PDB file of N, CA and C in Angstrom:
ATOM      1  N   MET A   1      70.877  53.101  77.476  1.00  0.00           N
ATOM      2  CA  MET A   1      71.685  53.869  76.503  1.00  0.00           C
ATOM      3  C   MET A   1      72.104  53.176  75.439  1.00  0.00           C
ATOM      4  N   PHE A   2      72.271  51.855  75.379  1.00  0.00           N
ATOM      5  CA  PHE A   2      72.523  51.000  74.135  1.00  0.00           C
ATOM      6  C   PHE A   2      71.380  51.052  73.399  1.00  0.00           C
ATOM      7  N   ARG A   3      70.251  50.934  73.648  1.00  0.00           N
ATOM      8  CA  ARG A   3      68.823  51.084  72.767  1.00  0.00           C
ATOM      9  C   ARG A   3      68.866  52.467  72.182  1.00  0.00           C
ATOM     10  N   LEU A   4      69.388  53.662  72.942  1.00  0.00           N
ATOM     11  CA  LEU A   4      69.305  54.746  72.139  1.00  0.00           C
ATOM     12  C   LEU A   4      70.289  54.889  71.135  1.00  0.00           C
ATOM     13  N   LEU A   5      71.345  54.267  71.178  1.00  0.00           N
ATOM     14  CA  LEU A   5      72.434  54.204  70.109  1.00  0.00           C
ATOM     15  C   LEU A   5      71.968  53.374  69.029  1.00  0.00           C
ATOM     16  N   VAL A   6      71.476  52.309  69.417  1.00  0.00           N
ATOM     17  CA  VAL A   6      70.829  51.402  68.140  1.00  0.00           C
ATOM     18  C   VAL A   6      69.899  52.175  67.479  1.00  0.00           C
ATOM     19  N   LYS A   7      68.853  52.976  68.092  1.00  0.00           N
ATOM     20  CA  LYS A   7      67.821  53.645  67.471  1.00  0.00           C
ATOM     21  C   LYS A   7      68.473  54.716  66.469  1.00  0.00           C
ATOM     22  N   TRP A   8      69.559  55.321  67.040  1.00  0.00           N
ATOM     23  CA  TRP A   8      70.277  56.531  66.371  1.00  0.00           C
ATOM     24  C   TRP A   8      70.888  55.850  64.874  1.00  0.00           C
ATOM     25  N   LEU A   9      71.489  54.630  65.166  1.00  0.00           N
ATOM     26  CA  LEU A   9      72.272  54.108  63.989  1.00  0.00           C
ATOM     27  C   LEU A   9      71.057  53.640  63.093  1.00  0.00           C
ATOM     28  N   LEU A  10      69.830  53.107  63.442  1.00  0.00           N
ATOM     29  CA  LEU A  10      68.923  52.470  62.419  1.00  0.00           C
ATOM     30  C   LEU A  10      68.236  53.769  61.949  1.00  0.00           C
ATOM     31  N   GLN A  11      68.143  54.990  62.619  1.00  0.00           N
ATOM     32  CA  GLN A  11      67.527  55.987  61.815  1.00  0.00           C
ATOM     33  C   GLN A  11      68.656  56.639  60.613  1.00  0.00           C
ATOM     34  N   ALA A  12      69.959  56.626  61.191  1.00  0.00           N
ATOM     35  CA  ALA A  12      70.776  57.085  60.118  1.00  0.00           C
ATOM     36  C   ALA A  12      70.699  56.288  58.803  1.00  0.00           C
ATOM     37  N   LEU A  13      70.545  54.797  59.045  1.00  0.00           N
ATOM     38  CA  LEU A  13      70.609  53.713  58.172  1.00  0.00           C
ATOM     39  C   LEU A  13      69.312  53.976  57.361  1.00  0.00           C
ATOM     40  N   ALA A  14      68.107  54.221  57.957  1.00  0.00           N
ATOM     41  CA  ALA A  14      66.983  54.609  57.279  1.00  0.00           C
ATOM     42  C   ALA A  14      67.133  55.735  56.330  1.00  0.00           C
ATOM     43  N   LEU A  15      67.681  56.757  56.728  1.00  0.00           N
ATOM     44  CA  LEU A  15      68.107  58.200  55.952  1.00  0.00           C
ATOM     45  C   LEU A  15      68.833  57.688  54.739  1.00  0.00           C
ATOM     46  N   LEU A  16      69.883  56.797  55.015  1.00  0.00           N
ATOM     47  CA  LEU A  16      70.724  56.380  53.643  1.00  0.00           C
ATOM     48  C   LEU A  16      69.963  55.523  52.772  1.00  0.00           C
ATOM     49  N   ILE A  17      69.087  54.655  53.243  1.00  0.00           N
ATOM     50  CA  ILE A  17      68.034  54.099  52.227  1.00  0.00           C
ATOM     51  C   ILE A  17      67.364  54.888  51.625  1.00  0.00           C
ATOM     52  N   THR A  18      66.615  55.937  52.404  1.00  0.00           N
ATOM     53  CA  THR A  18      65.744  56.957  51.778  1.00  0.00           C
ATOM     54  C   THR A  18      66.456  57.665  50.579  1.00  0.00           C
ATOM     55  N   ALA A  19      67.904  58.056  50.833  1.00  0.00           N
ATOM     56  CA  ALA A  19      68.440  58.692  49.877  1.00  0.00           C
ATOM     57  C   ALA A  19      68.693  57.991  48.596  1.00  0.00           C
ATOM     58  N   ASN A  20      68.716  56.557  48.717  1.00  0.00           N
ATOM     59  CA  ASN A  20      69.149  55.826  47.516  1.00  0.00           C
ATOM     60  C   ASN A  20      67.634  55.500  47.002  1.00  0.00           C
ATOM     61  N   ILE A  21      66.612  55.660  47.541  1.00  0.00           N
ATOM     62  CA  ILE A  21      65.197  55.427  47.016  1.00  0.00           C
ATOM     63  C   ILE A  21      64.804  56.610  46.248  1.00  0.00           C
ATOM     64  N   VAL A  22      64.686  57.914  47.255  1.00  0.00           N
ATOM     65  CA  VAL A  22      64.096  59.100  46.394  1.00  0.00           C
ATOM     66  C   VAL A  22      64.965  59.950  45.822  1.00  0.00           C
ATOM     67  N   PRO A  23      64.508  60.145  44.552  1.00  0.00           N
ATOM     68  CA  PRO A  23      65.550  61.204  43.700  1.00  0.00           C
ATOM     69  C   PRO A  23      65.188  62.609  44.441  1.00  0.00           C
ATOM     70  N   GLY A  24      66.537  63.297  44.438  1.00  0.00           N
ATOM     71  CA  GLY A  24      66.438  64.524  45.143  1.00  0.00           C
ATOM     72  C   GLY A  24      66.769  64.617  46.356  1.00  0.00           C
ATOM     73  N   PHE A  25      67.031  63.543  46.999  1.00  0.00           N
ATOM     74  CA  PHE A  25      67.332  63.196  48.374  1.00  0.00           C
ATOM     75  C   PHE A  25      68.826  62.946  48.508  1.00  0.00           C
ATOM     76  N   ARG A  26      69.665  63.732  48.897  1.00  0.00           N
ATOM     77  CA  ARG A  26      71.042  63.575  48.922  1.00  0.00           C
ATOM     78  C   ARG A  26      71.821  63.383  50.180  1.00  0.00           C
ATOM     79  N   ILE A  27      72.631  62.375  50.325  1.00  0.00           N
ATOM     80  CA  ILE A  27      73.233  62.432  51.650  1.00  0.00           C
ATOM     81  C   ILE A  27      74.782  61.779  51.315  1.00  0.00           C
ATOM     82  N   SER A  28      75.789  62.439  51.736  1.00  0.00           N
ATOM     83  CA  SER A  28      77.152  62.129  51.263  1.00  0.00           C
ATOM     84  C   SER A  28      77.723  60.873  51.874  1.00  0.00           C
ATOM     85  N   ASN A  29      77.394  60.608  52.968  1.00  0.00           N
ATOM     86  CA  ASN A  29      78.114  59.405  53.689  1.00  0.00           C
ATOM     87  C   ASN A  29      77.479  59.122  55.139  1.00  0.00           C
ATOM     88  N   PHE A  30      77.954  58.055  55.556  1.00  0.00           N
ATOM     89  CA  PHE A  30      77.255  57.628  56.921  1.00  0.00           C
ATOM     90  C   PHE A  30      77.405  58.561  58.122  1.00  0.00           C
ATOM     91  N   PRO A  31      78.565  59.257  58.291  1.00  0.00           N
ATOM     92  CA  PRO A  31      78.819  60.131  59.294  1.00  0.00           C
ATOM     93  C   PRO A  31      77.759  61.525  59.208  1.00  0.00           C
ATOM     94  N   ALA A  32      77.652  61.751  57.798  1.00  0.00           N
ATOM     95  CA  ALA A  32      76.669  62.988  57.428  1.00  0.00           C
ATOM     96  C   ALA A  32      75.402  62.545  57.951  1.00  0.00           C
ATOM     97  N   ALA A  33      74.927  61.200  57.818  1.00  0.00           N
ATOM     98  CA  ALA A  33      73.799  60.720  58.031  1.00  0.00           C
ATOM     99  C   ALA A  33      73.319  60.821  59.704  1.00  0.00           C
ATOM    100  N   LEU A  34      74.452  60.290  60.192  1.00  0.00           N
ATOM    101  CA  LEU A  34      74.398  60.532  61.868  1.00  0.00           C
ATOM    102  C   LEU A  34      74.172  61.832  62.030  1.00  0.00           C
ATOM    103  N   ILE A  35      74.924  62.942  61.618  1.00  0.00           N
ATOM    104  CA  ILE A  35      74.788  64.316  61.955  1.00  0.00           C
ATOM    105  C   ILE A  35      73.351  64.594  61.628  1.00  0.00           C
ATOM    106  N   ALA A  36      72.950  64.393  60.338  1.00  0.00           N
ATOM    107  CA  ALA A  36      71.702  64.574  59.713  1.00  0.00           C
ATOM    108  C   ALA A  36      70.582  64.302  60.760  1.00  0.00           C
ATOM    109  N   VAL A  37      70.628  63.186  61.299  1.00  0.00           N
ATOM    110  CA  VAL A  37      69.661  62.538  62.235  1.00  0.00           C
ATOM    111  C   VAL A  37      69.649  63.237  63.352  1.00  0.00           C
ATOM    112  N   LEU A  38      70.512  63.630  64.292  1.00  0.00           N
ATOM    113  CA  LEU A  38      70.520  64.537  65.110  1.00  0.00           C
ATOM    114  C   LEU A  38      69.801  65.937  64.792  1.00  0.00           C
ATOM    115  N   VAL A  39      70.265  66.427  63.780  1.00  0.00           N
ATOM    116  CA  VAL A  39      69.664  67.700  63.356  1.00  0.00           C
ATOM    117  C   VAL A  39      68.240  67.523  63.250  1.00  0.00           C
ATOM    118  N   ILE A  40      67.781  66.587  62.364  1.00  0.00           N
ATOM    119  CA  ILE A  40      66.352  66.233  62.399  1.00  0.00           C
ATOM    120  C   ILE A  40      65.645  66.104  63.671  1.00  0.00           C
ATOM    121  N   GLY A  41      66.218  65.265  64.477  1.00  0.00           N
ATOM    122  CA  GLY A  41      65.620  64.947  65.893  1.00  0.00           C
ATOM    123  C   GLY A  41      65.687  66.500  66.619  1.00  0.00           C
ATOM    124  N   LEU A  42      66.642  67.194  66.539  1.00  0.00           N
ATOM    125  CA  LEU A  42      66.516  68.450  67.310  1.00  0.00           C
ATOM    126  C   LEU A  42      65.391  69.562  66.856  1.00  0.00           C
ATOM    127  N   LEU A  43      65.229  69.308  65.552  1.00  0.00           N
ATOM    128  CA  LEU A  43      64.277  70.272  64.763  1.00  0.00           C
ATOM    129  C   LEU A  43      62.872  69.531  65.327  1.00  0.00           C
ATOM    130  N   ASN A  44      62.895  68.452  65.193  1.00  0.00           N
ATOM    131  CA  ASN A  44      61.474  67.826  65.562  1.00  0.00           C
ATOM    132  C   ASN A  44      60.989  68.019  67.016  1.00  0.00           C
ATOM    133  N   VAL A  45      62.021  67.986  67.934  1.00  0.00           N
ATOM    134  CA  VAL A  45      61.544  68.190  69.421  1.00  0.00           C
ATOM    135  C   VAL A  45      61.231  69.693  69.639  1.00  0.00           C
ATOM    136  N   THR A  46      61.761  70.725  68.917  1.00  0.00           N
ATOM    137  CA  THR A  46      61.705  72.006  69.070  1.00  0.00           C
ATOM    138  C   THR A  46      60.612  72.605  68.170  1.00  0.00           C
ATOM    139  N   LEU A  47      60.823  72.755  66.957  1.00  0.00           N
ATOM    140  CA  LEU A  47      60.165  73.245  65.916  1.00  0.00           C
ATOM    141  C   LEU A  47      58.919  72.275  65.425  1.00  0.00           C
ATOM    142  N   GLY A  48      59.070  71.221  65.287  1.00  0.00           N
ATOM    143  CA  GLY A  48      58.091  70.227  64.844  1.00  0.00           C
ATOM    144  C   GLY A  48      57.146  70.031  65.986  1.00  0.00           C
ATOM    145  N   ALA A  49      57.437  70.048  67.187  1.00  0.00           N
ATOM    146  CA  ALA A  49      56.417  70.039  68.241  1.00  0.00           C
ATOM    147  C   ALA A  49      55.546  71.247  68.230  1.00  0.00           C
ATOM    148  N   LEU A  50      56.041  72.563  68.063  1.00  0.00           N
ATOM    149  CA  LEU A  50      55.295  73.620  68.040  1.00  0.00           C
ATOM    150  C   LEU A  50      54.484  73.596  67.006  1.00  0.00           C
ATOM    151  N   LEU A  51      55.081  73.335  65.754  1.00  0.00           N
ATOM    152  CA  LEU A  51      54.015  73.407  64.457  1.00  0.00           C
ATOM    153  C   LEU A  51      52.972  72.139  64.610  1.00  0.00           C
ATOM    154  N   LYS A  52      53.319  70.982  65.202  1.00  0.00           N
ATOM    155  CA  LYS A  52      52.291  70.020  65.343  1.00  0.00           C
ATOM    156  C   LYS A  52      51.170  70.420  66.345  1.00  0.00           C
ATOM    157  N   LEU A  53      51.535  71.214  67.427  1.00  0.00           N
ATOM    158  CA  LEU A  53      50.488  71.676  68.162  1.00  0.00           C
ATOM    159  C   LEU A  53      49.562  72.878  67.787  1.00  0.00           C
ATOM    160  N   ILE A  54      50.127  73.738  66.767  1.00  0.00           N
ATOM    161  CA  ILE A  54      49.561  74.678  66.210  1.00  0.00           C
ATOM    162  C   ILE A  54      48.616  74.228  65.117  1.00  0.00           C
ATOM    163  N   THR A  55      49.035  73.307  64.305  1.00  0.00           N
ATOM    164  CA  THR A  55      48.291  72.729  63.286  1.00  0.00           C
ATOM    165  C   THR A  55      47.512  71.531  63.385  1.00  0.00           C
ATOM    166  N   LEU A  56      47.198  71.350  64.852  1.00  0.00           N
ATOM    167  CA  LEU A  56      46.329  70.075  65.430  1.00  0.00           C
ATOM    168  C   LEU A  56      45.221  69.872  64.603  1.00  0.00           C
ATOM    169  N   PRO A  57      44.210  71.156  64.796  1.00  0.00           N
ATOM    170  CA  PRO A  57      42.779  71.086  63.959  1.00  0.00           C
ATOM    171  C   PRO A  57      43.152  70.605  62.567  1.00  0.00           C
ATOM    172  N   LEU A  58      44.079  71.207  61.773  1.00  0.00           N
ATOM    173  CA  LEU A  58      44.234  70.731  60.585  1.00  0.00           C
ATOM    174  C   LEU A  58      44.491  69.261  60.330  1.00  0.00           C
ATOM    175  N   ALA A  59      45.333  68.902  61.114  1.00  0.00           N
ATOM    176  CA  ALA A  59      45.904  67.591  61.317  1.00  0.00           C
ATOM    177  C   ALA A  59      44.509  66.632  61.459  1.00  0.00           C
ATOM    178  N   ILE A  60      43.833  67.082  62.387  1.00  0.00           N
ATOM    179  CA  ILE A  60      42.443  66.204  62.834  1.00  0.00           C
ATOM    180  C   ILE A  60      41.601  66.103  61.441  1.00  0.00           C
ATOM    181  N   LEU A  61      41.494  67.282  60.835  1.00  0.00           N
ATOM    182  CA  LEU A  61      40.777  67.226  59.487  1.00  0.00           C
ATOM    183  C   LEU A  61      41.230  66.400  58.552  1.00  0.00           C
ATOM    184  N   THR A  62      42.521  66.273  58.126  1.00  0.00           N
ATOM    185  CA  THR A  62      43.213  65.544  57.423  1.00  0.00           C
ATOM    186  C   THR A  62      43.459  64.161  57.826  1.00  0.00           C
ATOM    187  N   LEU A  63      42.938  63.800  58.952  1.00  0.00           N
ATOM    188  CA  LEU A  63      43.343  62.312  59.676  1.00  0.00           C
ATOM    189  C   LEU A  63      44.713  62.236  59.783  1.00  0.00           C
ATOM    190  N   GLY A  64      45.527  63.191  60.002  1.00  0.00           N
ATOM    191  CA  GLY A  64      46.947  63.085  60.588  1.00  0.00           C
ATOM    192  C   GLY A  64      47.880  63.170  59.370  1.00  0.00           C
ATOM    193  N   LEU A  65      47.383  63.248  58.090  1.00  0.00           N
ATOM    194  CA  LEU A  65      48.207  63.420  56.860  1.00  0.00           C
ATOM    195  C   LEU A  65      49.070  64.840  56.812  1.00  0.00           C
ATOM    196  N   PHE A  66      48.564  65.702  57.432  1.00  0.00           N
ATOM    197  CA  PHE A  66      49.274  67.056  57.734  1.00  0.00           C
ATOM    198  C   PHE A  66      50.490  66.970  58.369  1.00  0.00           C
ATOM    199  N   PHE A  67      50.651  66.117  59.268  1.00  0.00           N
ATOM    200  CA  PHE A  67      51.751  65.781  59.941  1.00  0.00           C
ATOM    201  C   PHE A  67      53.065  65.480  59.088  1.00  0.00           C
ATOM    202  N   LEU A  68      52.402  64.652  57.906  1.00  0.00           N
ATOM    203  CA  LEU A  68      53.582  64.403  56.952  1.00  0.00           C
ATOM    204  C   LEU A  68      54.069  65.693  56.182  1.00  0.00           C
ATOM    205  N   VAL A  69      53.451  66.592  56.123  1.00  0.00           N
ATOM    206  CA  VAL A  69      53.622  67.845  55.264  1.00  0.00           C
ATOM    207  C   VAL A  69      54.771  68.670  56.456  1.00  0.00           C
ATOM    208  N   ILE A  70      54.384  68.591  57.873  1.00  0.00           N
ATOM    209  CA  ILE A  70      55.250  69.147  58.697  1.00  0.00           C
ATOM    210  C   ILE A  70      56.737  68.408  58.867  1.00  0.00           C
ATOM    211  N   ASN A  71      56.502  67.149  58.864  1.00  0.00           N
ATOM    212  CA  ASN A  71      57.829  66.249  58.636  1.00  0.00           C
ATOM    213  C   ASN A  71      58.737  66.563  57.243  1.00  0.00           C
ATOM    214  N   ALA A  72      57.923  66.781  56.322  1.00  0.00           N
ATOM    215  CA  ALA A  72      58.700  67.251  55.119  1.00  0.00           C
ATOM    216  C   ALA A  72      59.236  68.740  55.315  1.00  0.00           C
ATOM    217  N   PHE A  73      58.570  69.471  55.926  1.00  0.00           N
ATOM    218  CA  PHE A  73      59.232  70.824  56.199  1.00  0.00           C
ATOM    219  C   PHE A  73      60.449  70.741  57.092  1.00  0.00           C
ATOM    220  N   ILE A  74      60.585  69.700  58.106  1.00  0.00           N
ATOM    221  CA  ILE A  74      61.535  69.734  58.918  1.00  0.00           C
ATOM    222  C   ILE A  74      62.755  69.053  58.103  1.00  0.00           C
ATOM    223  N   LEU A  75      62.438  68.123  57.297  1.00  0.00           N
ATOM    224  CA  LEU A  75      63.538  67.520  56.416  1.00  0.00           C
ATOM    225  C   LEU A  75      64.355  68.619  55.452  1.00  0.00           C
ATOM    226  N   LYS A  76      63.239  69.487  54.775  1.00  0.00           N
ATOM    227  CA  LYS A  76      63.849  70.293  54.066  1.00  0.00           C
ATOM    228  C   LYS A  76      64.675  71.322  54.865  1.00  0.00           C
ATOM    229  N   LEU A  77      64.330  71.656  56.058  1.00  0.00           N
ATOM    230  CA  LEU A  77      65.040  72.616  56.939  1.00  0.00           C
ATOM    231  C   LEU A  77      66.255  72.008  57.462  1.00  0.00           C
ATOM    232  N   ALA A  78      66.378  70.883  57.694  1.00  0.00           N
ATOM    233  CA  ALA A  78      67.279  69.984  58.093  1.00  0.00           C
ATOM    234  C   ALA A  78      68.399  69.852  56.929  1.00  0.00           C
ATOM    235  N   GLY A  79      67.827  69.835  55.764  1.00  0.00           N
ATOM    236  CA  GLY A  79      68.913  69.837  54.539  1.00  0.00           C
ATOM    237  C   GLY A  79      69.462  70.978  54.539  1.00  0.00           C
ATOM    238  N   ALA A  80      69.208  72.093  54.810  1.00  0.00           N
ATOM    239  CA  ALA A  80      69.662  73.416  54.799  1.00  0.00           C
ATOM    240  C   ALA A  80      70.791  73.617  55.801  1.00  0.00           C
ATOM    241  N   VAL A  81      70.552  72.905  56.906  1.00  0.00           N
ATOM    242  CA  VAL A  81      71.407  73.196  58.181  1.00  0.00           C
ATOM    243  C   VAL A  81      72.518  72.119  58.197  1.00  0.00           C
ATOM    244  N   ALA A  82      72.270  70.916  57.981  1.00  0.00           N
ATOM    245  CA  ALA A  82      73.066  69.694  58.213  1.00  0.00           C
ATOM    246  C   ALA A  82      74.015  69.508  56.881  1.00  0.00           C
ATOM    247  N   PRO A  83      75.476  69.458  57.456  1.00  0.00           N
ATOM    248  CA  PRO A  83      76.341  69.407  56.305  1.00  0.00           C
ATOM    249  C   PRO A  83      76.168  67.936  55.585  1.00  0.00           C
ATOM    250  N   GLY A  84      76.355  67.711  54.451  1.00  0.00           N
ATOM    251  CA  GLY A  84      76.256  66.439  53.709  1.00  0.00           C
ATOM    252  C   GLY A  84      75.115  65.923  53.517  1.00  0.00           C
ATOM    253  N   PHE A  85      74.106  66.803  53.825  1.00  0.00           N
ATOM    254  CA  PHE A  85      72.508  66.299  53.681  1.00  0.00           C
ATOM    255  C   PHE A  85      71.967  67.389  52.767  1.00  0.00           C
ATOM    256  N   TYR A  86      71.084  66.928  51.877  1.00  0.00           N
ATOM    257  CA  TYR A  86      70.564  68.100  51.131  1.00  0.00           C
ATOM    258  C   TYR A  86      69.184  67.527  50.474  1.00  0.00           C
ATOM    259  N   VAL A  87      68.022  68.156  50.498  1.00  0.00           N
ATOM    260  CA  VAL A  87      66.887  67.828  50.075  1.00  0.00           C
ATOM    261  C   VAL A  87      66.446  68.885  48.833  1.00  0.00           C
ATOM    262  N   GLN A  88      66.478  68.443  47.514  1.00  0.00           N
ATOM    263  CA  GLN A  88      66.318  69.358  46.450  1.00  0.00           C
ATOM    264  C   GLN A  88      65.114  69.963  46.537  1.00  0.00           C
ATOM    265  N   THR A  89      63.885  69.237  46.237  1.00  0.00           N
ATOM    266  CA  THR A  89      62.670  69.884  46.146  1.00  0.00           C
ATOM    267  C   THR A  89      61.643  69.629  47.443  1.00  0.00           C
ATOM    268  N   TRP A  90      60.508  70.260  47.277  1.00  0.00           N
ATOM    269  CA  TRP A  90      59.468  69.783  48.192  1.00  0.00           C
ATOM    270  C   TRP A  90      58.871  68.591  47.918  1.00  0.00           C
ATOM    271  N   ALA A  91      58.860  68.168  46.652  1.00  0.00           N
ATOM    272  CA  ALA A  91      58.296  66.735  46.557  1.00  0.00           C
ATOM    273  C   ALA A  91      59.301  65.676  46.887  1.00  0.00           C
ATOM    274  N   ALA A  92      60.533  65.923  46.777  1.00  0.00           N
ATOM    275  CA  ALA A  92      61.341  64.978  47.427  1.00  0.00           C
ATOM    276  C   ALA A  92      61.440  64.948  48.752  1.00  0.00           C
ATOM    277  N   ALA A  93      61.132  66.026  49.422  1.00  0.00           N
ATOM    278  CA  ALA A  93      60.910  66.124  51.023  1.00  0.00           C
ATOM    279  C   ALA A  93      59.824  65.469  51.522  1.00  0.00           C
ATOM    280  N   LEU A  94      58.657  65.457  50.709  1.00  0.00           N
ATOM    281  CA  LEU A  94      57.374  64.710  50.875  1.00  0.00           C
ATOM    282  C   LEU A  94      57.500  63.297  50.870  1.00  0.00           C
ATOM    283  N   VAL A  95      58.176  62.833  49.796  1.00  0.00           N
ATOM    284  CA  VAL A  95      58.192  61.419  49.583  1.00  0.00           C
ATOM    285  C   VAL A  95      59.169  61.000  50.529  1.00  0.00           C
ATOM    286  N   GLY A  96      60.173  61.521  50.685  1.00  0.00           N
ATOM    287  CA  GLY A  96      61.310  61.237  51.805  1.00  0.00           C
ATOM    288  C   GLY A  96      60.657  61.218  53.191  1.00  0.00           C
ATOM    289  N   ALA A  97      59.794  61.936  53.463  1.00  0.00           N
ATOM    290  CA  ALA A  97      59.204  61.839  54.892  1.00  0.00           C
ATOM    291  C   ALA A  97      58.268  60.774  54.921  1.00  0.00           C
ATOM    292  N   LEU A  98      57.510  60.332  53.801  1.00  0.00           N
ATOM    293  CA  LEU A  98      56.756  58.949  53.967  1.00  0.00           C
ATOM    294  C   LEU A  98      57.756  57.968  53.789  1.00  0.00           C
ATOM    295  N   VAL A  99      58.809  57.806  53.038  1.00  0.00           N
ATOM    296  CA  VAL A  99      59.678  56.709  53.242  1.00  0.00           C
ATOM    297  C   VAL A  99      60.253  56.639  54.522  1.00  0.00           C
ATOM    298  N   LEU A 100      60.666  57.586  55.085  1.00  0.00           N
ATOM    299  CA  LEU A 100      61.315  57.666  56.440  1.00  0.00           C
ATOM    300  C   LEU A 100      60.437  57.098  57.354  1.00  0.00           C
ATOM    301  N   ALA A 101      59.198  57.681  57.495  1.00  0.00           N
ATOM    302  CA  ALA A 101      58.072  57.140  58.356  1.00  0.00           C
ATOM    303  C   ALA A 101      57.958  55.656  58.283  1.00  0.00           C
ATOM    304  N   LEU A 102      57.790  55.164  56.969  1.00  0.00           N
ATOM    305  CA  LEU A 102      57.758  53.685  56.909  1.00  0.00           C
ATOM    306  C   LEU A 102      58.899  52.823  57.307  1.00  0.00           C
ATOM    307  N   LEU A 103      60.119  53.271  56.947  1.00  0.00           N
ATOM    308  CA  LEU A 103      61.214  52.640  57.553  1.00  0.00           C
ATOM    309  C   LEU A 103      61.423  52.554  58.864  1.00  0.00           C
ATOM    310  N   ASN A 104      61.353  53.767  59.584  1.00  0.00           N
ATOM    311  CA  ASN A 104      61.340  53.899  61.014  1.00  0.00           C
ATOM    312  C   ASN A 104      60.180  53.151  61.778  1.00  0.00           C
ATOM    313  N   MET A 105      59.100  52.948  61.135  1.00  0.00           N
ATOM    314  CA  MET A 105      57.948  52.046  61.733  1.00  0.00           C
ATOM    315  C   MET A 105      58.504  50.623  61.654  1.00  0.00           C
ATOM    316  N   LEU A 106      59.169  50.365  60.446  1.00  0.00           N
ATOM    317  CA  LEU A 106      59.706  48.801  60.154  1.00  0.00           C
ATOM    318  C   LEU A 106      60.585  48.452  61.147  1.00  0.00           C
ATOM    319  N   PHE A 107      61.705  49.489  61.292  1.00  0.00           N
ATOM    320  CA  PHE A 107      62.805  49.294  62.326  1.00  0.00           C
ATOM    321  C   PHE A 107      62.262  49.235  63.737  1.00  0.00           C
ATOM    322  N   SER A 108      61.384  49.970  64.113  1.00  0.00           N
ATOM    323  CA  SER A 108      60.806  50.067  65.560  1.00  0.00           C
ATOM    324  C   SER A 108      59.926  48.611  65.664  1.00  0.00           C
ATOM    325  N   LEU A 109      59.346  48.186  64.783  1.00  0.00           N
ATOM    326  CA  LEU A 109      58.774  46.747  64.860  1.00  0.00           C
ATOM    327  C   LEU A 109      60.139  45.572  65.159  1.00  0.00           C
ATOM    328  N   VAL A 110      60.959  45.880  64.662  1.00  0.00           N
ATOM    329  CA  VAL A 110      62.071  44.943  64.377  1.00  0.00           C
ATOM    330  C   VAL A 110      62.756  45.075  65.880  1.00  0.00           C
ATOM    331  N   LEU A 111      62.912  46.248  66.210  1.00  0.00           N
ATOM    332  CA  LEU A 111      63.629  46.596  67.535  1.00  0.00           C
ATOM    333  C   LEU A 111      62.875  45.885  68.666  1.00  0.00           C
ATOM    334  N   ASP A 112      61.520  46.128  68.675  1.00  0.00           N
ATOM    335  CA  ASP A 112      60.586  45.879  69.726  1.00  0.00           C
ATOM    336  C   ASP A 112      60.620  44.003  69.889  1.00  0.00           C
TER     337      ASP A 112
END
C-alpha cells in the first residue's frame, strides 16, 4: 500500500516537472496533479488498453512508437477531463508523453 502511494506521488511529481519543461502543458498545483494522475491512470486502464490492443499491428510496425501517440491521446483527453490540468496542442501532448515516459522510467529505476 505504501509503495502504491509513493508511486502515485512520484507520478504527480513527474507531471509537474513535465508541465515546467513542455510548453503548452499546464497544471495549476500539486492537488490538481494528483487528480490528473488518477484520471490518466483510469483512462490508461480502460481506453488505453483497448486502443493498444486494437493498434497492436501498427505498434509492431513502428517498433512500439505508436504507443507514444496513444499516450499523447490519453494525455489530451485527461487534459479535457481533469480540473486544473490542460494540454494545449497535440505537439505538447506528444512531447509531454515522451517526457513523462522518461521520467516515469527514471523514477521506477530509483524506486526499485
